[in-house]
Amino acid sequence: MGEYNLQVTIDQDSGFCFGVVFAIDMAEEILDEDGYLYCLGDIVHNDEEVARLKGKGLRIIDHTQLKDLHNEKVLIRAHGEAPETYRTALENNITLIDASCPVVLKLQNRIKTSYDNSEKILIFGKHGHAEVIGLEGQTNNEALVFQDIAELDNVELPANFTLYSQTTKSMDKFYAIKDELQSRGYDVKANDTICRQVSNRDKDLPKFAIRFNKIVFVSGRKSSNGKVLYEVCKKHNPYTYFISAVDELDKTLFSPGDTVGIAGATSTPMWLMQDVKTALEQF
């Protein structure tokens, strides 16, 4: 019967980026010591991993709840926060456990410097995304955020501005947007701040995707980076299926003897991809 089983391989470059590893390690260390820890927003855009950490005592709060909290420890996740959050913490005697990703902090810093130099700032990013809110905060919320160039069609833009990008956006898209805006006659200073761990995945994933009959892409639905990487897989292998949890696997999509690759976002835990592999091997 051996030859009828699915041959399943996990992409070893998939899984948590260092920013997420760092944040989760910090959280687990404090959870082991104190038994509980507040975290501002979902620690990672993956419901399965959040559920695991909640089981260890992680308490997810939002900005409104932060204002009512006093004398506690609060974790800032990899996405980073706006200056406002640090002010609230100071007022409420909150100890911040700052796990902001260094790549995001560097970007926040660059944007703040641009803003302090009175540059007009455009940010290519997802509206309302945690990281983007932190970036806008560096500009007193004056930066113009857009997630699609079509949003700029009827907007009166300044003649010259600095273009930034959320760290998990597609590099190709960022440069295409820059070229398009320059061709429209704007003087654009482009500051490419896309995380190389993400952009290298863009480059390596196609090679992985074409090695298999089918790809199962595992990611939280809220993950921006998951959407980008899923599209990369699907472009190179049309038989790519997106799932967030093991029970979303559809048995009818697989045939005996299929080779299946499993890939994930920078917010997808390795244990979840292992679980998906185990489930597929039962088919």
Protein backbone atom coordinates (compact mmCIF):
# COMPACT_ATOMS: atom_id res chain seq x y z
CA MET A 1 0.00 0.00 0.00
CA GLY A 2 3.00 2.28 0.56
CA GLU A 3 2.94 3.87 -2.89
CA TYR A 4 -0.65 5.05 -2.40
CA ASN A 5 0.19 7.22 0.59
CA LEU A 6 0.69 10.95 0.26
CA GLN A 7 4.32 12.05 0.29
CA VAL A 8 4.30 15.13 2.53
CA THR A 9 7.15 17.64 2.98
CA ILE A 10 7.25 20.76 5.15
CA ASP A 11 9.07 23.82 3.81
CA GLN A 12 11.86 24.27 6.37
CA ASP A 13 12.08 28.01 5.61
CA SER A 14 8.44 28.48 6.60
CA GLY A 15 7.32 29.33 10.09
CA PHE A 16 8.04 32.09 12.57
CA CYS A 17 10.32 34.95 11.62
CA PHE A 18 12.82 36.06 14.27
CA GLY A 19 10.59 38.94 15.43
CA VAL A 20 7.78 36.55 16.31
CA VAL A 21 10.13 33.99 17.88
CA PHE A 22 11.56 36.77 20.07
CA ALA A 23 8.09 37.98 21.18
CA ILE A 24 6.80 34.48 21.96
CA ASP A 25 9.97 33.51 23.84
CA MET A 26 9.64 36.63 25.99
CA ALA A 27 5.95 35.92 26.65
CA GLU A 28 6.56 32.28 27.60
CA GLU A 29 9.38 33.21 29.96
CA ILE A 30 7.14 35.62 31.90
CA LEU A 31 4.16 33.25 31.78
CA ASP A 32 6.32 30.55 33.37
CA GLU A 33 7.37 32.95 36.14
CA ASP A 34 4.16 34.92 36.81
CA GLY A 35 1.42 32.62 35.50
CA TYR A 36 -0.18 35.40 33.47
CA LEU A 37 0.76 38.29 31.18
CA TYR A 38 -1.18 41.00 29.37
CA CYS A 39 -0.51 41.41 25.66
CA LEU A 40 -1.65 44.39 23.62
CA GLY A 41 -3.44 42.89 20.61
CA ASP A 42 -2.97 39.35 19.25
CA ILE A 43 0.65 38.39 19.89
CA VAL A 44 0.76 36.86 16.41
CA HIS A 45 -1.77 36.74 13.55
CA ASN A 46 -2.46 33.07 14.12
CA ASP A 47 -5.50 31.98 16.12
CA GLU A 48 -4.11 28.51 16.88
CA GLU A 49 -0.92 29.90 18.43
CA VAL A 50 -2.84 32.59 20.32
CA ALA A 51 -5.10 29.87 21.78
CA ARG A 52 -2.05 27.87 22.88
CA LEU A 53 -0.56 30.88 24.70
CA LYS A 54 -3.90 31.88 26.24
CA GLY A 55 -3.91 28.40 27.74
CA LYS A 56 -0.65 29.34 29.47
CA GLY A 57 -2.15 32.54 30.89
CA LEU A 58 -1.73 35.15 28.14
CA ARG A 59 -4.44 37.81 28.39
CA ILE A 60 -5.09 39.75 25.19
CA ILE A 61 -6.23 43.35 25.71
CA ASP A 62 -6.93 46.27 23.38
CA HIS A 63 -5.98 49.94 23.64
CA THR A 64 -9.20 50.86 25.48
CA GLN A 65 -8.51 48.25 28.15
CA LEU A 66 -4.90 49.43 28.41
CA LYS A 67 -6.12 52.86 29.55
CA ASP A 68 -7.89 51.22 32.52
CA LEU A 69 -4.96 49.01 33.50
CA HIS A 70 -2.52 50.01 36.25
CA ASN A 71 0.66 48.60 37.81
CA GLU A 72 0.84 45.57 35.51
CA LYS A 73 3.24 44.11 32.93
CA VAL A 74 2.13 44.42 29.30
CA LEU A 75 3.80 42.86 26.30
CA ILE A 76 4.20 44.85 23.10
CA ARG A 77 4.25 42.38 20.23
CA ALA A 78 6.56 42.33 17.20
CA HIS A 79 4.32 44.71 15.19
CA GLY A 80 5.32 47.64 17.40
CA GLU A 81 3.22 50.46 18.83
CA ALA A 82 2.56 54.17 18.39
CA PRO A 83 4.10 56.74 20.83
CA GLU A 84 0.67 57.13 22.44
CA THR A 85 0.92 53.61 23.92
CA TYR A 86 4.20 54.41 25.66
CA ARG A 87 2.67 57.58 27.13
CA THR A 88 -0.31 55.64 28.52
CA ALA A 89 2.02 53.07 30.06
CA LEU A 90 4.01 55.81 31.78
CA GLU A 91 0.85 57.43 33.18
CA ASN A 92 -0.56 54.10 34.44
CA ASN A 93 2.68 52.75 35.91
CA ILE A 94 2.64 49.86 33.44
CA THR A 95 5.85 47.92 32.84
CA LEU A 96 6.18 47.41 29.09
CA ILE A 97 7.81 44.21 27.92
CA ASP A 98 8.80 45.55 24.51
CA ALA A 99 9.10 42.80 21.91
CA SER A 100 8.82 45.18 18.94
CA CYS A 101 10.70 43.67 16.00
CA PRO A 102 14.02 45.47 15.32
CA VAL A 103 13.11 45.79 11.63
CA VAL A 104 9.88 47.57 12.57
CA LEU A 105 11.63 49.80 15.13
CA LYS A 106 14.17 50.88 12.53
CA LEU A 107 11.33 51.75 10.15
CA GLN A 108 9.46 53.70 12.87
CA ASN A 109 12.66 55.63 13.47
CA ARG A 110 13.14 56.46 9.80
CA ILE A 111 9.56 57.65 9.45
CA LYS A 112 9.85 59.80 12.56
CA THR A 113 13.05 61.39 11.18
CA SER A 114 11.32 62.08 7.83
CA TYR A 115 8.38 63.62 9.65
CA ASP A 116 10.61 65.76 11.84
CA ASN A 117 12.29 66.99 8.63
CA SER A 118 8.85 68.10 7.38
CA GLU A 119 8.77 65.53 4.55
CA LYS A 120 5.37 64.45 3.22
CA ILE A 121 4.96 60.73 3.89
CA LEU A 122 3.11 57.98 2.02
CA ILE A 123 2.92 54.48 3.48
CA PHE A 124 2.13 51.45 1.34
CA GLY A 125 0.40 49.24 3.88
CA LYS A 126 -2.82 47.65 5.06
CA HIS A 127 -5.36 50.04 6.62
CA GLY A 128 -5.82 49.39 10.32
CA HIS A 129 -2.97 46.86 10.51
CA ALA A 130 -1.17 46.85 13.89
CA GLU A 131 2.20 47.69 12.38
CA VAL A 132 0.75 50.44 10.19
CA ILE A 133 -1.00 52.10 13.15
CA GLY A 134 2.37 52.22 14.90
CA LEU A 135 3.96 53.77 11.80
CA GLU A 136 1.22 56.39 11.38
CA GLY A 137 1.72 57.30 15.03
CA GLN A 138 5.27 58.45 14.23
CA THR A 139 3.78 61.14 11.97
CA ASN A 140 1.09 62.37 14.33
CA ASN A 141 -1.25 60.35 12.07
CA GLU A 142 -0.59 62.71 9.16
CA ALA A 143 0.94 60.11 6.81
CA LEU A 144 -1.20 58.95 3.91
CA VAL A 145 -1.72 55.17 4.01
CA PHE A 146 -2.83 53.25 0.93
CA GLN A 147 -2.96 49.52 0.24
CA ASP A 148 -3.60 49.80 -3.47
CA ILE A 149 -2.37 52.40 -5.96
CA ALA A 150 -5.95 52.89 -7.23
CA GLU A 151 -6.69 54.63 -3.92
CA LEU A 152 -4.38 57.47 -5.02
CA ASP A 153 -6.12 58.11 -8.34
CA ASN A 154 -8.31 61.02 -7.22
CA VAL A 155 -6.09 62.23 -4.40
CA GLU A 156 -4.27 65.55 -4.50
CA LEU A 157 -0.69 64.44 -3.71
CA PRO A 158 2.19 66.81 -2.86
CA ALA A 159 4.75 67.31 -5.66
CA ASN A 160 7.42 65.52 -3.66
CA PHE A 161 7.14 62.98 -0.89
CA THR A 162 8.84 60.01 0.75
CA LEU A 163 7.38 56.56 0.14
CA TYR A 164 7.62 53.89 2.84
CA SER A 165 6.25 50.37 3.08
CA GLN A 166 4.90 48.13 5.80
CA THR A 167 7.67 45.57 6.43
CA THR A 168 5.70 42.55 5.13
CA LYS A 169 4.59 43.92 1.76
CA SER A 170 5.75 42.52 -1.57
CA MET A 171 9.00 44.10 -2.75
CA ASP A 172 8.02 43.87 -6.43
CA LYS A 173 4.78 45.71 -5.71
CA PHE A 174 6.59 48.42 -3.75
CA TYR A 175 8.97 49.16 -6.63
CA ALA A 176 6.16 48.99 -9.19
CA ILE A 177 4.25 51.61 -7.16
CA LYS A 178 7.35 53.80 -6.91
CA ASP A 179 7.88 53.64 -10.71
CA GLU A 180 4.21 54.35 -11.39
CA LEU A 181 4.18 57.42 -9.12
CA GLN A 182 7.40 58.71 -10.71
CA SER A 183 5.92 58.22 -14.17
CA ARG A 184 2.98 60.36 -13.04
CA GLY A 185 5.48 63.17 -12.50
CA TYR A 186 5.93 63.07 -8.74
CA ASP A 187 9.31 63.47 -7.10
CA VAL A 188 9.41 60.26 -5.04
CA LYS A 189 12.04 59.36 -2.49
CA ALA A 190 11.55 55.62 -1.95
CA ASN A 191 12.63 54.07 1.31
CA ASP A 192 12.53 50.30 0.93
CA THR A 193 12.01 48.96 4.44
CA ILE A 194 10.66 45.54 3.55
CA CYS A 195 11.91 42.79 5.82
CA ARG A 196 14.47 40.64 4.02
CA GLN A 197 13.28 37.54 5.83
CA VAL A 198 9.93 38.11 4.12
CA SER A 199 11.28 39.12 0.71
CA ASN A 200 13.67 36.15 0.62
CA ARG A 201 10.68 33.89 1.21
CA ASP A 202 9.07 35.51 -1.84
CA LYS A 203 12.12 34.38 -3.80
CA ASP A 204 12.55 30.86 -2.36
CA LEU A 205 8.91 29.83 -2.21
CA PRO A 206 8.42 29.45 -6.00
CA LYS A 207 11.20 26.81 -6.08
CA PHE A 208 9.47 24.95 -3.26
CA ALA A 209 5.98 25.24 -4.79
CA ILE A 210 6.87 23.66 -8.15
CA ARG A 211 8.43 20.56 -6.56
CA PHE A 212 5.02 19.12 -5.60
CA ASN A 213 1.68 18.16 -7.18
CA LYS A 214 -0.11 20.14 -4.50
CA ILE A 215 0.64 22.77 -1.87
CA VAL A 216 -1.18 23.25 1.42
CA PHE A 217 -0.57 26.80 2.64
CA VAL A 218 -1.17 27.17 6.38
CA SER A 219 -1.79 30.66 7.75
CA GLY A 220 -4.05 32.78 9.91
CA ARG A 221 -6.60 34.72 7.88
CA LYS A 222 -5.46 37.98 9.49
CA SER A 223 -1.86 37.59 8.35
CA SER A 224 -0.82 40.14 5.69
CA ASN A 225 2.32 38.21 5.01
CA GLY A 226 0.26 35.00 4.70
CA LYS A 227 -1.79 36.55 1.90
CA VAL A 228 1.35 37.63 0.01
CA LEU A 229 3.07 34.24 0.33
CA TYR A 230 -0.09 32.27 -0.52
CA GLU A 231 -0.39 34.26 -3.76
CA VAL A 232 3.27 33.51 -4.55
CA CYS A 233 2.61 29.76 -4.11
CA LYS A 234 -0.61 29.83 -6.12
CA LYS A 235 1.04 31.69 -8.98
CA HIS A 236 3.67 28.94 -9.34
CA ASN A 237 1.42 26.03 -8.43
CA PRO A 238 -2.30 26.45 -9.18
CA TYR A 239 -3.02 23.45 -6.91
CA THR A 240 -2.36 25.50 -3.77
CA TYR A 241 -4.92 25.34 -0.96
CA PHE A 242 -5.19 27.85 1.91
CA ILE A 243 -6.10 26.55 5.37
CA SER A 244 -5.97 28.02 8.88
CA ALA A 245 -6.55 24.84 10.86
CA VAL A 246 -6.20 21.08 10.40
CA ASP A 247 -9.96 20.51 10.23
CA GLU A 248 -10.13 22.66 7.08
CA LEU A 249 -8.26 20.00 5.08
CA ASP A 250 -10.48 18.63 2.31
CA LYS A 251 -9.73 14.95 1.75
CA THR A 252 -11.31 14.99 -1.73
CA LEU A 253 -8.62 17.33 -3.07
CA PHE A 254 -5.90 14.69 -2.74
CA SER A 255 -5.27 11.53 -4.72
CA PRO A 256 -3.21 8.45 -3.83
CA GLY A 257 0.47 8.98 -4.58
CA ASP A 258 0.25 12.81 -4.56
CA THR A 259 3.31 14.71 -3.43
CA VAL A 260 2.26 17.51 -1.11
CA GLY A 261 4.29 20.50 0.12
CA ILE A 262 3.30 22.37 3.26
CA ALA A 263 4.26 26.03 3.58
CA GLY A 264 3.24 28.82 5.93
CA ALA A 265 3.48 32.48 6.83
CA THR A 266 6.03 34.12 9.13
CA SER A 267 3.28 33.89 11.78
CA THR A 268 2.53 30.18 11.29
CA PRO A 269 3.87 27.96 14.09
CA MET A 270 5.89 24.90 13.07
CA TRP A 271 3.80 22.66 15.36
CA LEU A 272 0.70 23.53 13.32
CA MET A 273 2.43 22.57 10.05
CA GLN A 274 3.52 19.30 11.71
CA ASP A 275 -0.11 18.61 12.69
CA VAL A 276 -1.21 19.24 9.10
CA LYS A 277 1.49 16.85 7.86
CA THR A 278 0.32 14.13 10.27
CA ALA A 279 -3.30 14.59 9.16
CA LEU A 280 -2.40 14.42 5.46
CA GLU A 281 -0.41 11.24 6.02
CA GLN A 282 -3.53 9.59 7.47
CA PHE A 283 -5.40 10.14 4.17
